[in-house]
N, C-alpha and C. Protein backbone atom coordinates (compact mmCIF):
# COMPACT_ATOMS: atom_id res chain seq x y z
N UNK A 1 0.82 -1.26 0.01
CA UNK A 1 0.06 -0.02 -0.03
C UNK A 1 0.91 1.23 0.00
N UNK A 2 1.93 1.23 0.82
CA UNK A 2 2.78 2.45 0.89
C UNK A 2 3.48 2.61 -0.46
N UNK A 3 3.82 1.64 -1.11
CA UNK A 3 4.45 1.76 -2.45
C UNK A 3 3.45 2.35 -3.53
N UNK A 4 2.25 1.94 -3.42
CA UNK A 4 1.29 2.42 -4.37
C UNK A 4 1.13 3.98 -4.06
N UNK A 5 1.01 4.32 -2.79
CA UNK A 5 0.90 5.69 -2.43
C UNK A 5 2.06 6.56 -2.96
N UNK A 6 3.25 6.04 -2.81
CA UNK A 6 4.37 6.70 -3.23
C UNK A 6 4.44 6.93 -4.73
N UNK A 7 3.99 5.90 -5.53
CA UNK A 7 3.87 6.08 -6.84
C UNK A 7 2.82 7.03 -7.28
N UNK A 8 1.78 7.14 -6.57
CA UNK A 8 0.71 8.18 -6.89
C UNK A 8 1.36 9.54 -6.63
N UNK A 9 2.07 9.68 -5.50
CA UNK A 9 2.75 10.95 -5.20
C UNK A 9 3.70 11.31 -6.35
N UNK A 10 4.35 10.34 -6.71
CA UNK A 10 5.37 10.59 -7.86
C UNK A 10 4.67 11.16 -9.12
N UNK A 11 3.52 10.50 -9.47
CA UNK A 11 2.84 10.91 -10.75
C UNK A 11 2.14 12.27 -10.58
N UNK A 12 1.53 12.39 -9.35
CA UNK A 12 0.63 13.59 -9.21
C UNK A 12 1.23 14.88 -8.68
N UNK A 13 2.41 14.92 -8.05
CA UNK A 13 2.84 16.13 -7.50
C UNK A 13 4.27 16.36 -7.73
N UNK A 14 4.80 16.26 -8.89
CA UNK A 14 6.16 16.65 -9.20
C UNK A 14 7.05 15.59 -9.46
N UNK A 15 6.65 14.33 -9.66
CA UNK A 15 7.47 13.31 -10.18
C UNK A 15 8.20 12.53 -9.14
N UNK A 16 9.13 11.72 -9.69
CA UNK A 16 9.82 10.68 -8.84
C UNK A 16 10.73 11.31 -7.77
N UNK A 17 11.17 12.53 -7.89
CA UNK A 17 12.12 13.10 -6.91
C UNK A 17 11.31 13.39 -5.57
N UNK A 18 9.97 13.91 -5.68
CA UNK A 18 9.23 14.00 -4.50
C UNK A 18 9.00 12.78 -3.82
N UNK A 19 8.63 11.65 -4.50
CA UNK A 19 8.42 10.37 -3.94
C UNK A 19 9.65 9.83 -3.29
N UNK A 20 10.74 9.97 -3.91
CA UNK A 20 12.05 9.51 -3.36
C UNK A 20 12.41 10.15 -2.11
N UNK A 21 12.18 11.51 -2.17
CA UNK A 21 12.47 12.29 -0.83
C UNK A 21 11.58 11.70 0.27
N UNK A 22 10.27 11.49 0.04
CA UNK A 22 9.44 10.96 0.97
C UNK A 22 9.84 9.63 1.56
N UNK A 23 10.33 8.74 0.66
CA UNK A 23 10.80 7.47 1.06
C UNK A 23 12.09 7.64 1.94
N UNK A 24 12.94 8.42 1.51
CA UNK A 24 14.22 8.58 2.30
C UNK A 24 13.83 9.12 3.67
N UNK A 25 12.89 10.00 3.83
CA UNK A 25 12.61 10.60 5.08
C UNK A 25 12.03 9.46 6.02
N UNK A 26 11.13 8.71 5.38
CA UNK A 26 10.54 7.54 6.17
C UNK A 26 11.59 6.57 6.62
N UNK A 27 12.58 6.22 5.75
CA UNK A 27 13.69 5.35 6.13
C UNK A 27 14.49 5.97 7.20
N UNK A 28 14.78 7.17 7.12
CA UNK A 28 15.64 7.86 8.19
C UNK A 28 14.96 7.77 9.44
N UNK A 29 13.65 8.00 9.49
CA UNK A 29 12.89 8.05 10.67
C UNK A 29 12.79 6.69 11.29
N UNK A 30 12.72 5.66 10.61
CA UNK A 30 12.60 4.24 11.11
C UNK A 30 13.90 3.58 11.36
N UNK A 31 14.99 4.01 10.78
CA UNK A 31 16.23 3.34 10.87
C UNK A 31 16.84 3.19 12.20
N UNK A 32 16.57 4.23 13.14
CA UNK A 32 17.16 4.12 14.50
C UNK A 32 16.43 3.08 15.42
N UNK A 33 15.33 2.54 15.03
CA UNK A 33 14.51 1.74 15.95
C UNK A 33 15.30 0.66 16.59
N UNK A 34 16.06 -0.15 15.76
CA UNK A 34 16.70 -1.30 16.36
C UNK A 34 17.80 -0.85 17.40
N UNK A 35 18.34 0.36 17.20
CA UNK A 35 19.52 0.80 18.22
C UNK A 35 18.88 1.68 19.25
N UNK A 36 17.53 2.09 19.18
CA UNK A 36 16.94 2.95 20.25
C UNK A 36 15.67 2.20 20.72
N UNK A 37 15.81 0.98 21.13
CA UNK A 37 14.65 0.24 21.51
C UNK A 37 13.87 0.75 22.74
N UNK A 38 14.51 1.53 23.56
CA UNK A 38 13.91 2.22 24.74
C UNK A 38 13.10 3.34 24.33
N UNK A 39 13.19 3.82 23.04
CA UNK A 39 12.32 4.92 22.68
C UNK A 39 11.06 4.52 22.21
N UNK A 40 10.07 4.09 23.08
CA UNK A 40 8.84 3.64 22.72
C UNK A 40 7.81 4.76 22.40
N UNK A 41 6.68 4.41 21.93
CA UNK A 41 5.68 5.45 21.54
C UNK A 41 5.32 6.34 22.80
N UNK A 42 5.31 5.66 23.95
CA UNK A 42 4.92 6.47 25.19
C UNK A 42 5.99 7.54 25.45
N UNK A 43 7.22 7.07 25.21
CA UNK A 43 8.41 8.09 25.48
C UNK A 43 8.33 9.19 24.51
N UNK A 44 7.91 8.92 23.26
CA UNK A 44 7.83 9.94 22.17
C UNK A 44 6.73 10.88 22.54
N UNK A 45 5.54 10.32 22.96
CA UNK A 45 4.52 11.27 23.32
C UNK A 45 4.90 12.10 24.58
N UNK A 46 5.62 11.54 25.41
CA UNK A 46 6.12 12.31 26.57
C UNK A 46 6.99 13.50 26.11
N UNK A 47 7.89 13.32 25.15
CA UNK A 47 8.79 14.30 24.67
C UNK A 47 7.93 15.41 24.00
N UNK A 48 6.90 14.98 23.29
CA UNK A 48 6.15 15.96 22.45
C UNK A 48 5.27 16.77 23.49
N UNK A 49 4.88 16.12 24.61
CA UNK A 49 4.07 16.87 25.64
C UNK A 49 4.90 18.02 26.30
N UNK A 50 6.28 17.82 26.25
CA UNK A 50 7.20 18.83 26.86
C UNK A 50 7.45 19.95 25.74
N UNK A 51 7.56 19.53 24.49
CA UNK A 51 7.96 20.54 23.47
C UNK A 51 6.75 21.09 22.76
N UNK A 52 5.70 20.39 22.65
CA UNK A 52 4.51 20.90 21.86
C UNK A 52 3.24 20.53 22.68
N UNK A 53 3.29 20.73 23.98
CA UNK A 53 2.14 20.37 24.82
C UNK A 53 0.73 20.84 24.40
N UNK A 54 0.68 21.96 23.83
CA UNK A 54 -0.62 22.46 23.57
C UNK A 54 -1.16 22.09 22.17
N UNK A 55 -0.38 21.45 21.37
CA UNK A 55 -0.78 21.04 20.06
C UNK A 55 -1.67 19.80 20.13
N UNK A 56 -2.68 19.74 19.19
CA UNK A 56 -3.57 18.61 19.23
C UNK A 56 -2.85 17.30 18.92
N UNK A 57 -3.17 16.24 19.72
CA UNK A 57 -2.53 14.89 19.47
C UNK A 57 -3.62 13.96 18.85
N UNK A 58 -4.76 14.00 19.44
CA UNK A 58 -5.81 13.13 19.03
C UNK A 58 -7.15 13.91 18.93
N UNK A 59 -7.86 13.71 17.84
CA UNK A 59 -9.11 14.40 17.60
C UNK A 59 -10.24 13.33 17.21
N UNK A 60 -11.29 13.55 17.77
CA UNK A 60 -12.51 12.72 17.35
C UNK A 60 -13.71 13.63 17.29
N UNK A 61 -14.83 13.02 16.93
CA UNK A 61 -16.00 13.77 16.79
C UNK A 61 -16.52 14.28 18.20
N UNK A 62 -16.27 13.49 19.25
CA UNK A 62 -16.79 13.90 20.53
C UNK A 62 -15.77 14.53 21.53
N UNK A 63 -14.53 14.33 21.25
CA UNK A 63 -13.45 14.81 22.17
C UNK A 63 -12.10 14.84 21.50
N UNK A 64 -11.17 15.64 22.16
CA UNK A 64 -9.80 15.71 21.71
C UNK A 64 -8.91 15.81 22.83
N UNK A 65 -7.62 15.49 22.56
CA UNK A 65 -6.54 15.59 23.55
C UNK A 65 -5.33 16.17 22.98
N UNK A 66 -4.82 17.05 23.70
CA UNK A 66 -3.44 17.71 23.29
C UNK A 66 -2.37 16.67 23.65
N UNK A 67 -1.17 16.94 23.20
CA UNK A 67 0.02 16.01 23.62
C UNK A 67 0.10 16.03 25.15
N UNK A 68 -0.01 17.22 25.81
CA UNK A 68 0.10 17.34 27.21
C UNK A 68 -0.99 16.48 27.98
N UNK A 69 -2.25 16.65 27.45
CA UNK A 69 -3.31 15.91 28.01
C UNK A 69 -3.19 14.46 27.84
N UNK A 70 -2.77 13.99 26.65
CA UNK A 70 -2.57 12.64 26.28
C UNK A 70 -1.58 11.95 27.22
N UNK A 71 -0.42 12.65 27.40
CA UNK A 71 0.65 12.17 28.32
C UNK A 71 0.20 12.09 29.69
N UNK A 72 -0.61 13.09 30.13
CA UNK A 72 -1.10 13.04 31.50
C UNK A 72 -2.04 11.98 31.76
N UNK A 73 -2.96 11.73 30.80
CA UNK A 73 -3.93 10.61 30.88
C UNK A 73 -3.23 9.28 30.96
N UNK A 74 -2.25 9.07 30.05
CA UNK A 74 -1.46 7.89 29.98
C UNK A 74 -0.71 7.60 31.28
N UNK A 75 -0.15 8.69 31.95
CA UNK A 75 0.52 8.54 33.18
C UNK A 75 -0.40 8.07 34.30
N UNK A 76 -1.56 8.59 34.26
CA UNK A 76 -2.62 8.10 35.32
C UNK A 76 -2.93 6.60 35.15
N UNK A 77 -3.03 6.17 33.79
CA UNK A 77 -3.39 4.77 33.64
C UNK A 77 -2.15 3.90 33.94
N UNK A 78 -0.98 4.38 33.70
CA UNK A 78 0.25 3.64 34.09
C UNK A 78 0.31 3.44 35.62
N UNK A 79 -0.04 4.50 36.37
CA UNK A 79 -0.10 4.42 37.82
C UNK A 79 -1.20 3.49 38.28
N UNK A 80 -2.30 3.50 37.58
CA UNK A 80 -3.30 2.53 37.96
C UNK A 80 -2.80 1.11 37.87
N UNK A 81 -2.21 0.81 36.76
CA UNK A 81 -1.58 -0.55 36.60
C UNK A 81 -0.68 -0.88 37.76
N UNK A 82 0.12 0.12 38.17
CA UNK A 82 1.08 -0.14 39.19
C UNK A 82 0.30 -0.38 40.53
N UNK A 83 -0.67 0.38 40.83
CA UNK A 83 -1.50 0.19 42.03
C UNK A 83 -2.19 -1.14 42.09
N UNK A 84 -2.47 -1.62 40.92
CA UNK A 84 -3.17 -2.98 40.79
C UNK A 84 -2.14 -4.11 40.83
N UNK A 85 -0.92 -3.79 40.87
CA UNK A 85 0.32 -4.83 40.94
C UNK A 85 0.20 -5.67 39.69
N UNK A 86 -0.19 -5.01 38.61
CA UNK A 86 -0.11 -5.72 37.33
C UNK A 86 1.34 -5.89 36.93
N UNK A 87 1.79 -7.14 36.78
CA UNK A 87 3.22 -7.35 36.55
C UNK A 87 3.51 -7.10 35.01
N UNK A 88 4.78 -6.95 34.86
CA UNK A 88 5.28 -6.87 33.44
C UNK A 88 4.98 -8.12 32.70
N UNK A 89 4.31 -7.95 31.56
CA UNK A 89 3.90 -9.19 30.78
C UNK A 89 2.52 -9.66 30.98
N UNK A 90 1.83 -9.21 32.10
CA UNK A 90 0.52 -9.65 32.34
C UNK A 90 -0.39 -8.93 31.33
N UNK A 91 -1.57 -9.58 31.11
CA UNK A 91 -2.39 -9.07 30.04
C UNK A 91 -3.66 -8.44 30.68
N UNK A 92 -4.03 -7.23 30.02
CA UNK A 92 -5.32 -6.62 30.22
C UNK A 92 -5.98 -6.47 28.89
N UNK A 93 -7.27 -6.87 28.84
CA UNK A 93 -8.05 -6.81 27.66
C UNK A 93 -8.79 -5.39 27.67
N UNK A 94 -8.79 -4.76 26.51
CA UNK A 94 -9.47 -3.41 26.41
C UNK A 94 -10.50 -3.53 25.41
N UNK A 95 -11.75 -3.40 25.84
CA UNK A 95 -12.95 -3.44 24.98
C UNK A 95 -13.54 -2.03 24.94
N UNK A 96 -13.29 -1.30 24.05
CA UNK A 96 -13.69 0.09 23.92
C UNK A 96 -13.68 0.64 22.47
N UNK A 97 -14.75 1.38 22.11
CA UNK A 97 -14.74 2.11 20.76
C UNK A 97 -13.53 2.89 20.57
N UNK A 98 -13.23 3.19 19.33
CA UNK A 98 -12.03 4.04 18.98
C UNK A 98 -12.39 5.52 19.49
N UNK A 99 -11.55 5.97 20.30
CA UNK A 99 -11.65 7.40 20.78
C UNK A 99 -10.31 7.68 21.51
N UNK A 100 -9.99 9.00 21.78
CA UNK A 100 -8.78 9.40 22.48
C UNK A 100 -8.45 8.62 23.77
N UNK A 101 -9.48 8.42 24.54
CA UNK A 101 -9.19 7.82 25.83
C UNK A 101 -8.72 6.36 25.60
N UNK A 102 -9.07 5.66 24.54
CA UNK A 102 -8.74 4.32 24.16
C UNK A 102 -7.17 4.29 24.04
N UNK A 103 -6.59 5.21 23.32
CA UNK A 103 -5.20 5.25 23.14
C UNK A 103 -4.43 5.69 24.43
N UNK A 104 -5.05 6.50 25.23
CA UNK A 104 -4.40 6.90 26.50
C UNK A 104 -4.29 5.71 27.42
N UNK A 105 -5.33 4.81 27.46
CA UNK A 105 -5.27 3.51 28.29
C UNK A 105 -4.09 2.66 27.77
N UNK A 106 -4.16 2.40 26.37
CA UNK A 106 -3.14 1.59 25.81
C UNK A 106 -1.74 2.03 26.09
N UNK A 107 -1.56 3.31 25.83
CA UNK A 107 -0.23 3.92 26.11
C UNK A 107 0.21 3.77 27.58
N UNK A 108 -0.75 4.10 28.46
CA UNK A 108 -0.35 4.05 29.84
C UNK A 108 0.03 2.65 30.37
N UNK A 109 -0.81 1.62 29.99
CA UNK A 109 -0.58 0.31 30.44
C UNK A 109 0.67 -0.32 29.82
N UNK A 110 0.80 -0.05 28.48
CA UNK A 110 2.06 -0.59 27.86
C UNK A 110 3.31 0.05 28.32
N UNK A 111 3.21 1.33 28.81
CA UNK A 111 4.38 2.01 29.25
C UNK A 111 5.08 1.32 30.48
N UNK A 112 4.24 0.59 31.19
CA UNK A 112 4.78 -0.16 32.36
C UNK A 112 4.80 -1.66 32.16
N UNK A 113 4.79 -2.02 30.88
CA UNK A 113 5.01 -3.44 30.48
C UNK A 113 3.80 -4.34 30.43
N UNK A 114 2.62 -3.72 30.69
CA UNK A 114 1.44 -4.58 30.68
C UNK A 114 1.10 -4.86 29.17
N UNK A 115 0.71 -6.03 28.84
CA UNK A 115 0.31 -6.33 27.40
C UNK A 115 -1.19 -6.02 27.31
N UNK A 116 -1.53 -5.18 26.36
CA UNK A 116 -2.94 -4.81 26.14
C UNK A 116 -3.50 -5.62 24.94
N UNK A 117 -4.45 -6.39 25.22
CA UNK A 117 -5.15 -7.14 24.10
C UNK A 117 -6.34 -6.36 23.69
N UNK A 118 -6.38 -5.89 22.41
CA UNK A 118 -7.46 -5.07 21.93
C UNK A 118 -8.58 -5.99 21.41
N UNK A 119 -9.78 -5.82 21.99
CA UNK A 119 -10.95 -6.81 21.72
C UNK A 119 -11.85 -6.26 20.57
N UNK A 120 -12.10 -7.08 19.64
CA UNK A 120 -13.00 -6.74 18.64
C UNK A 120 -14.35 -6.43 19.20
N UNK A 121 -14.80 -5.16 18.99
CA UNK A 121 -16.05 -4.74 19.58
C UNK A 121 -17.30 -5.20 18.88
N UNK A 122 -17.13 -5.91 17.78
CA UNK A 122 -18.29 -6.58 17.08
C UNK A 122 -18.61 -7.97 17.61
N UNK A 123 -17.84 -8.51 18.55
CA UNK A 123 -17.97 -9.92 18.94
C UNK A 123 -19.03 -9.90 20.09
N UNK A 124 -19.68 -11.06 20.35
CA UNK A 124 -20.67 -11.30 21.40
C UNK A 124 -20.53 -12.77 21.83
N UNK A 125 -21.14 -12.95 23.00
CA UNK A 125 -21.26 -14.36 23.47
C UNK A 125 -20.07 -15.18 23.41
N UNK A 126 -20.19 -16.39 22.85
CA UNK A 126 -19.28 -17.44 22.81
C UNK A 126 -17.99 -16.90 22.10
N UNK A 127 -18.17 -16.21 21.05
CA UNK A 127 -16.98 -15.75 20.24
C UNK A 127 -16.20 -14.73 21.06
N UNK A 128 -16.86 -13.87 21.69
CA UNK A 128 -16.19 -12.85 22.54
C UNK A 128 -15.48 -13.58 23.75
N UNK A 129 -16.15 -14.52 24.41
CA UNK A 129 -15.50 -15.24 25.45
C UNK A 129 -14.24 -16.04 24.96
N UNK A 130 -14.33 -16.62 23.79
CA UNK A 130 -13.23 -17.38 23.30
C UNK A 130 -12.03 -16.43 23.08
N UNK A 131 -12.14 -15.23 22.50
CA UNK A 131 -11.14 -14.31 22.30
C UNK A 131 -10.48 -13.85 23.59
N UNK A 132 -11.37 -13.58 24.57
CA UNK A 132 -10.85 -13.17 25.87
C UNK A 132 -9.98 -14.31 26.52
N UNK A 133 -10.57 -15.47 26.47
CA UNK A 133 -9.95 -16.66 27.15
C UNK A 133 -8.56 -16.93 26.44
N UNK A 134 -8.40 -16.67 25.14
CA UNK A 134 -7.21 -16.88 24.43
C UNK A 134 -5.96 -16.27 25.07
N UNK A 135 -6.20 -15.09 25.54
CA UNK A 135 -5.04 -14.26 26.10
C UNK A 135 -4.91 -14.36 27.65
N UNK A 136 -5.94 -15.09 28.25
CA UNK A 136 -5.93 -15.29 29.71
C UNK A 136 -5.56 -13.99 30.45
N UNK A 137 -6.46 -12.91 30.32
CA UNK A 137 -6.15 -11.69 30.97
C UNK A 137 -6.27 -11.66 32.47
N UNK A 138 -5.53 -10.84 33.12
CA UNK A 138 -5.72 -10.55 34.51
C UNK A 138 -6.90 -9.61 34.77
N UNK A 139 -7.05 -8.71 33.80
CA UNK A 139 -8.07 -7.71 33.82
C UNK A 139 -8.75 -7.54 32.46
N UNK A 140 -9.99 -7.08 32.54
CA UNK A 140 -10.77 -6.63 31.36
C UNK A 140 -11.27 -5.23 31.64
N UNK A 141 -11.01 -4.37 30.74
CA UNK A 141 -11.59 -2.98 30.87
C UNK A 141 -12.71 -2.82 29.83
N UNK A 142 -13.93 -2.50 30.21
CA UNK A 142 -15.06 -2.41 29.22
C UNK A 142 -15.64 -1.02 29.29
N UNK A 143 -15.75 -0.48 28.12
CA UNK A 143 -16.55 0.80 28.00
C UNK A 143 -17.99 0.58 28.33
N UNK A 144 -18.62 1.63 28.91
CA UNK A 144 -20.03 1.50 29.38
C UNK A 144 -20.94 1.13 28.24
N UNK A 145 -20.60 1.64 27.05
CA UNK A 145 -21.60 1.40 25.93
C UNK A 145 -21.39 -0.02 25.31
N UNK A 146 -20.45 -0.75 25.87
CA UNK A 146 -20.25 -2.15 25.35
C UNK A 146 -20.57 -3.17 26.49
N UNK A 147 -21.08 -2.66 27.57
CA UNK A 147 -21.28 -3.59 28.77
C UNK A 147 -22.27 -4.69 28.42
N UNK A 148 -23.30 -4.38 27.67
CA UNK A 148 -24.30 -5.45 27.41
C UNK A 148 -23.70 -6.43 26.51
N UNK A 149 -22.85 -6.09 25.52
CA UNK A 149 -22.11 -7.05 24.71
C UNK A 149 -21.23 -7.92 25.54
N UNK A 150 -20.54 -7.26 26.46
CA UNK A 150 -19.67 -8.09 27.37
C UNK A 150 -20.39 -9.00 28.21
N UNK A 151 -21.57 -8.58 28.78
CA UNK A 151 -22.33 -9.47 29.65
C UNK A 151 -22.78 -10.69 28.88
N UNK A 152 -22.95 -10.61 27.57
CA UNK A 152 -23.36 -11.81 26.73
C UNK A 152 -22.22 -12.89 26.81
N UNK A 153 -21.09 -12.49 27.15
CA UNK A 153 -19.90 -13.40 27.16
C UNK A 153 -19.56 -14.02 28.56
N UNK A 154 -19.98 -13.30 29.51
CA UNK A 154 -19.50 -13.65 30.92
C UNK A 154 -19.75 -15.08 31.29
N UNK A 155 -20.95 -15.63 31.07
CA UNK A 155 -21.19 -17.03 31.38
C UNK A 155 -20.42 -18.00 30.62
N UNK A 156 -19.83 -17.56 29.49
CA UNK A 156 -19.03 -18.46 28.76
C UNK A 156 -17.44 -18.38 29.08
N UNK A 157 -17.12 -17.46 29.84
CA UNK A 157 -15.67 -17.32 30.19
C UNK A 157 -15.14 -18.44 30.97
N UNK A 158 -14.03 -18.97 30.53
CA UNK A 158 -13.22 -20.02 31.39
C UNK A 158 -12.23 -19.29 32.29
N UNK A 159 -11.67 -18.12 31.73
CA UNK A 159 -10.71 -17.30 32.53
C UNK A 159 -11.53 -16.55 33.58
N UNK A 160 -10.83 -16.02 34.56
CA UNK A 160 -11.48 -15.26 35.61
C UNK A 160 -10.80 -13.83 35.87
N UNK A 161 -10.92 -13.05 34.88
CA UNK A 161 -10.30 -11.71 34.94
C UNK A 161 -11.08 -10.86 35.95
N UNK A 162 -10.36 -9.85 36.44
CA UNK A 162 -11.13 -8.82 37.21
C UNK A 162 -11.67 -7.83 36.26
N UNK A 163 -12.96 -7.38 36.41
CA UNK A 163 -13.63 -6.53 35.38
C UNK A 163 -13.66 -5.09 35.86
N UNK A 164 -13.26 -4.19 35.01
CA UNK A 164 -13.32 -2.73 35.32
C UNK A 164 -14.16 -2.08 34.24
N UNK A 165 -14.96 -1.17 34.68
CA UNK A 165 -15.73 -0.42 33.73
C UNK A 165 -15.17 0.96 33.40
N UNK A 166 -15.36 1.45 32.20
CA UNK A 166 -15.00 2.83 31.94
C UNK A 166 -16.34 3.55 31.55
N UNK A 167 -16.82 4.35 32.49
CA UNK A 167 -18.01 5.07 32.24
C UNK A 167 -19.31 4.48 32.77
N UNK A 168 -19.31 3.21 33.16
CA UNK A 168 -20.50 2.59 33.77
C UNK A 168 -20.37 2.23 35.14
N UNK A 169 -21.47 1.93 35.85
CA UNK A 169 -21.47 1.58 37.22
C UNK A 169 -21.61 0.08 37.56
N UNK A 170 -21.61 -0.74 36.47
CA UNK A 170 -21.83 -2.16 36.68
C UNK A 170 -20.65 -2.87 37.47
N UNK A 171 -19.35 -2.33 37.10
CA UNK A 171 -18.19 -2.86 37.63
C UNK A 171 -17.43 -1.65 38.33
N UNK A 172 -16.30 -1.98 38.98
CA UNK A 172 -15.49 -0.84 39.44
C UNK A 172 -15.20 0.09 38.29
N UNK A 173 -15.00 1.40 38.64
CA UNK A 173 -14.88 2.42 37.57
C UNK A 173 -13.45 2.88 37.43
N UNK A 174 -12.84 2.46 36.40
CA UNK A 174 -11.38 2.76 36.15
C UNK A 174 -11.26 4.25 35.89
N UNK A 175 -12.25 4.88 35.25
CA UNK A 175 -12.19 6.27 34.91
C UNK A 175 -12.23 7.15 36.20
N UNK A 176 -12.86 6.62 37.22
CA UNK A 176 -12.91 7.33 38.55
C UNK A 176 -11.59 7.08 39.30
N UNK A 177 -11.18 5.76 39.25
CA UNK A 177 -9.95 5.44 40.03
C UNK A 177 -8.75 6.18 39.58
N UNK A 178 -8.63 6.49 38.29
CA UNK A 178 -7.38 7.12 37.79
C UNK A 178 -7.35 8.59 38.18
N UNK A 179 -8.52 9.14 38.35
CA UNK A 179 -8.59 10.61 38.75
C UNK A 179 -7.90 10.85 40.14
N UNK A 180 -7.76 9.85 40.90
CA UNK A 180 -7.08 9.91 42.16
C UNK A 180 -5.58 9.85 42.11
N UNK A 181 -5.08 9.55 40.91
CA UNK A 181 -3.71 9.35 40.73
C UNK A 181 -2.97 10.47 40.01
N UNK A 182 -1.71 10.66 40.20
CA UNK A 182 -0.93 11.81 39.68
C UNK A 182 -0.84 11.59 38.13
N UNK A 183 -0.88 12.76 37.43
CA UNK A 183 -0.75 12.73 36.01
C UNK A 183 0.70 13.09 35.61
N UNK A 184 1.49 13.35 36.63
CA UNK A 184 2.94 13.78 36.32
C UNK A 184 3.73 12.48 35.67
N UNK A 185 4.83 12.92 34.99
CA UNK A 185 5.62 11.84 34.38
C UNK A 185 6.09 10.85 35.52
N UNK A 186 6.19 9.57 35.13
CA UNK A 186 6.58 8.58 36.07
C UNK A 186 7.96 8.85 36.66
N UNK A 187 8.04 8.62 37.86
CA UNK A 187 9.31 8.83 38.59
C UNK A 187 10.23 7.57 38.32
N UNK A 188 11.58 7.70 38.58
CA UNK A 188 12.56 6.59 38.29
C UNK A 188 12.07 5.28 39.01
N UNK A 189 11.62 5.32 40.29
CA UNK A 189 11.23 4.09 40.87
C UNK A 189 9.97 3.46 40.29
N UNK A 190 9.09 4.21 39.67
CA UNK A 190 7.91 3.76 39.01
C UNK A 190 8.13 3.09 37.66
N UNK A 191 9.20 3.53 36.98
CA UNK A 191 9.42 3.12 35.65
C UNK A 191 9.89 1.64 35.59
N UNK A 192 9.48 0.97 34.51
CA UNK A 192 9.95 -0.36 34.23
C UNK A 192 10.71 -0.30 32.89
N UNK A 193 11.65 -1.22 32.80
CA UNK A 193 12.36 -1.26 31.47
C UNK A 193 11.53 -1.90 30.43
N UNK A 194 11.03 -1.11 29.59
CA UNK A 194 10.17 -1.47 28.44
C UNK A 194 10.88 -1.20 27.10
N UNK A 195 10.92 -2.08 26.20
CA UNK A 195 11.59 -1.85 24.85
C UNK A 195 10.71 -2.30 23.74
N UNK A 196 11.03 -1.79 22.62
CA UNK A 196 10.37 -2.23 21.39
C UNK A 196 10.95 -3.59 21.03
N UNK A 197 9.97 -4.53 20.69
CA UNK A 197 10.43 -5.87 20.29
C UNK A 197 10.71 -5.79 18.73
N UNK A 198 11.90 -5.99 18.47
CA UNK A 198 12.36 -5.97 17.05
C UNK A 198 12.61 -7.38 16.55
N UNK A 199 11.82 -7.74 15.52
CA UNK A 199 11.85 -9.06 14.98
C UNK A 199 12.10 -9.01 13.48
N UNK A 200 12.24 -10.18 12.89
CA UNK A 200 12.37 -10.31 11.48
C UNK A 200 11.15 -10.88 10.81
N UNK A 201 10.88 -10.32 9.62
CA UNK A 201 9.66 -10.91 8.98
C UNK A 201 10.05 -12.16 8.11
């Protein structure tokens, strides 16, 4: 797909030189990844929060977050994971529609080494239970608007994760719990060594 887009750029806006420049820039940006494995997406967002904090990072029809707000939200969710004693490598399932808070949760949890399994929000019942059981999560975080779908799978679950709700009162409220936690950048004792996994295709 990227190659097709590059060819379109080449044909439509000034030829092969423009496309070549775009490819070189992309390669230069990704080349350091194997030698800078500690520079995760969360650390990049933290850097942008310090240098471009007021700039919009995520936009949706209902809400938006600046880089500073996104980093602050992610830090709260990271601390929530730490207060729950979620170990590095443990799994939390996230069942939430696409919106800025979804990425804040994912960034926060992964920044302290929690594996976030992103659940297909179209699943119900046995299919949903099967997908959750496959990853054996310690926790499941469910958006309020998807709680009815999640309930359709509860009786079928073989795993026994702790359930947290985002925006609903059926389970413990993660959105309320994180408001009690600091939004400041994680201190050295709070940080865990997290790196990008670099593999070969």
